[in-house]
């Protein structure tokens, strides 16, 4: 879509069962290309995203020009701030 202003794409995981584990596929990860995000279930990802939105936290880091949700670090598949 052509717009007169810059546009950004933000990764969103959608249409997965709550228990689905979201993680990089092994064929795309190696020592030279480490994972860009940590494993998490769809349920925890959506709960964390909604909790952060309720806190007024956006999904885009203007200062560093990167997605906050795509780079969120889960610990053992859980939101460490819960």
C-alpha atoms as a PDB file:
ATOM      1  CA  UNK A   1       0.000   0.000   0.000  1.00  0.00           C
ATOM      2  CA  UNK A   2       1.396   3.373  -0.982  1.00  0.00           C
ATOM      3  CA  UNK A   3       1.214   6.016   1.744  1.00  0.00           C
ATOM      4  CA  UNK A   4       2.609   9.510   2.188  1.00  0.00           C
ATOM      5  CA  UNK A   5       4.157   8.476   5.514  1.00  0.00           C
ATOM      6  CA  UNK A   6       6.640   5.744   6.523  1.00  0.00           C
ATOM      7  CA  UNK A   7       5.161   2.364   7.406  1.00  0.00           C
ATOM      8  CA  UNK A   8       6.563  -0.329   9.690  1.00  0.00           C
ATOM      9  CA  UNK A   9       5.861  -4.046   9.739  1.00  0.00           C
ATOM     10  CA  UNK A  10       5.527  -5.664  13.145  1.00  0.00           C
ATOM     11  CA  UNK A  11       5.590  -9.413  13.675  1.00  0.00           C
ATOM     12  CA  UNK A  12       2.346 -10.802  15.061  1.00  0.00           C
ATOM     13  CA  UNK A  13       1.654 -14.454  15.726  1.00  0.00           C
ATOM     14  CA  UNK A  14      -1.990 -15.140  14.904  1.00  0.00           C
ATOM     15  CA  UNK A  15      -4.363 -18.071  14.393  1.00  0.00           C
ATOM     16  CA  UNK A  16      -2.476 -20.638  16.463  1.00  0.00           C
ATOM     17  CA  UNK A  17      -3.978 -22.858  19.154  1.00  0.00           C
ATOM     18  CA  UNK A  18      -3.172 -21.527  22.656  1.00  0.00           C
ATOM     19  CA  UNK A  19      -0.900 -24.485  23.420  1.00  0.00           C
ATOM     20  CA  UNK A  20       1.156 -24.118  20.205  1.00  0.00           C
ATOM     21  CA  UNK A  21       4.832 -23.530  20.925  1.00  0.00           C
ATOM     22  CA  UNK A  22       6.177 -20.653  18.854  1.00  0.00           C
ATOM     23  CA  UNK A  23       9.898 -20.885  18.198  1.00  0.00           C
ATOM     24  CA  UNK A  24      12.356 -20.553  15.320  1.00  0.00           C
ATOM     25  CA  UNK A  25      12.594 -23.631  13.109  1.00  0.00           C
ATOM     26  CA  UNK A  26      15.864 -25.488  13.638  1.00  0.00           C
ATOM     27  CA  UNK A  27      16.827 -25.321   9.954  1.00  0.00           C
ATOM     28  CA  UNK A  28      17.008 -21.525  10.244  1.00  0.00           C
ATOM     29  CA  UNK A  29      19.122 -21.392  13.418  1.00  0.00           C
ATOM     30  CA  UNK A  30      22.855 -22.079  13.813  1.00  0.00           C
ATOM     31  CA  UNK A  31      25.931 -20.614  15.518  1.00  0.00           C
ATOM     32  CA  UNK A  32      26.160 -17.842  12.922  1.00  0.00           C
ATOM     33  CA  UNK A  33      22.401 -17.171  12.967  1.00  0.00           C
ATOM     34  CA  UNK A  34      21.125 -17.502  16.546  1.00  0.00           C
ATOM     35  CA  UNK A  35      17.372 -17.358  17.255  1.00  0.00           C
ATOM     36  CA  UNK A  36      15.888 -13.867  17.096  1.00  0.00           C
ATOM     37  CA  UNK A  37      13.190 -14.642  19.653  1.00  0.00           C
ATOM     38  CA  UNK A  38      12.677 -17.026  22.568  1.00  0.00           C
ATOM     39  CA  UNK A  39      10.211 -19.963  22.566  1.00  0.00           C
ATOM     40  CA  UNK A  40       6.755 -19.259  23.985  1.00  0.00           C
ATOM     41  CA  UNK A  41       3.244 -20.670  23.697  1.00  0.00           C
ATOM     42  CA  UNK A  42       0.634 -18.687  21.827  1.00  0.00           C
ATOM     43  CA  UNK A  43      -1.334 -18.315  25.075  1.00  0.00           C
ATOM     44  CA  UNK A  44       1.565 -16.761  27.006  1.00  0.00           C
ATOM     45  CA  UNK A  45       2.506 -14.547  24.044  1.00  0.00           C
ATOM     46  CA  UNK A  46      -1.038 -13.151  23.763  1.00  0.00           C
ATOM     47  CA  UNK A  47      -1.453 -12.750  27.541  1.00  0.00           C
ATOM     48  CA  UNK A  48       1.854 -10.865  27.699  1.00  0.00           C
ATOM     49  CA  UNK A  49       0.972  -8.697  24.696  1.00  0.00           C
ATOM     50  CA  UNK A  50      -2.424  -7.780  26.181  1.00  0.00           C
ATOM     51  CA  UNK A  51      -0.930  -7.102  29.630  1.00  0.00           C
ATOM     52  CA  UNK A  52       1.652  -4.787  28.093  1.00  0.00           C
ATOM     53  CA  UNK A  53      -1.003  -2.956  26.063  1.00  0.00           C
ATOM     54  CA  UNK A  54      -3.097  -2.493  29.227  1.00  0.00           C
ATOM     55  CA  UNK A  55      -0.018  -0.913  30.839  1.00  0.00           C
ATOM     56  CA  UNK A  56       0.189   1.500  27.917  1.00  0.00           C
ATOM     57  CA  UNK A  57       3.279  -0.138  26.469  1.00  0.00           C
ATOM     58  CA  UNK A  58       3.371  -0.009  22.700  1.00  0.00           C
ATOM     59  CA  UNK A  59       4.760  -2.597  20.316  1.00  0.00           C
ATOM     60  CA  UNK A  60       7.402  -0.401  18.655  1.00  0.00           C
ATOM     61  CA  UNK A  61      10.621   1.021  20.128  1.00  0.00           C
ATOM     62  CA  UNK A  62      11.006   4.397  18.406  1.00  0.00           C
ATOM     63  CA  UNK A  63      14.492   4.985  19.830  1.00  0.00           C
ATOM     64  CA  UNK A  64      15.981   1.710  18.600  1.00  0.00           C
ATOM     65  CA  UNK A  65      13.616   1.300  15.645  1.00  0.00           C
ATOM     66  CA  UNK A  66      12.632  -2.282  16.417  1.00  0.00           C
ATOM     67  CA  UNK A  67       9.666  -4.347  17.511  1.00  0.00           C
ATOM     68  CA  UNK A  68       9.299  -4.797  21.255  1.00  0.00           C
ATOM     69  CA  UNK A  69       6.977  -7.780  20.964  1.00  0.00           C
ATOM     70  CA  UNK A  70       9.174  -9.713  18.522  1.00  0.00           C
ATOM     71  CA  UNK A  71      12.172  -9.277  20.806  1.00  0.00           C
ATOM     72  CA  UNK A  72      10.452  -9.942  24.125  1.00  0.00           C
ATOM     73  CA  UNK A  73      12.547 -12.397  26.148  1.00  0.00           C
ATOM     74  CA  UNK A  74      10.545 -15.199  27.722  1.00  0.00           C
ATOM     75  CA  UNK A  75      12.218 -17.364  30.375  1.00  0.00           C
ATOM     76  CA  UNK A  76      11.353 -21.057  30.176  1.00  0.00           C
ATOM     77  CA  UNK A  77       8.344 -20.093  28.034  1.00  0.00           C
ATOM     78  CA  UNK A  78       6.969 -17.688  30.651  1.00  0.00           C
ATOM     79  CA  UNK A  79       6.752 -13.929  30.967  1.00  0.00           C
ATOM     80  CA  UNK A  80       9.447 -13.119  33.555  1.00  0.00           C
ATOM     81  CA  UNK A  81       7.506 -10.057  34.754  1.00  0.00           C
ATOM     82  CA  UNK A  82       4.437 -12.088  35.775  1.00  0.00           C
END
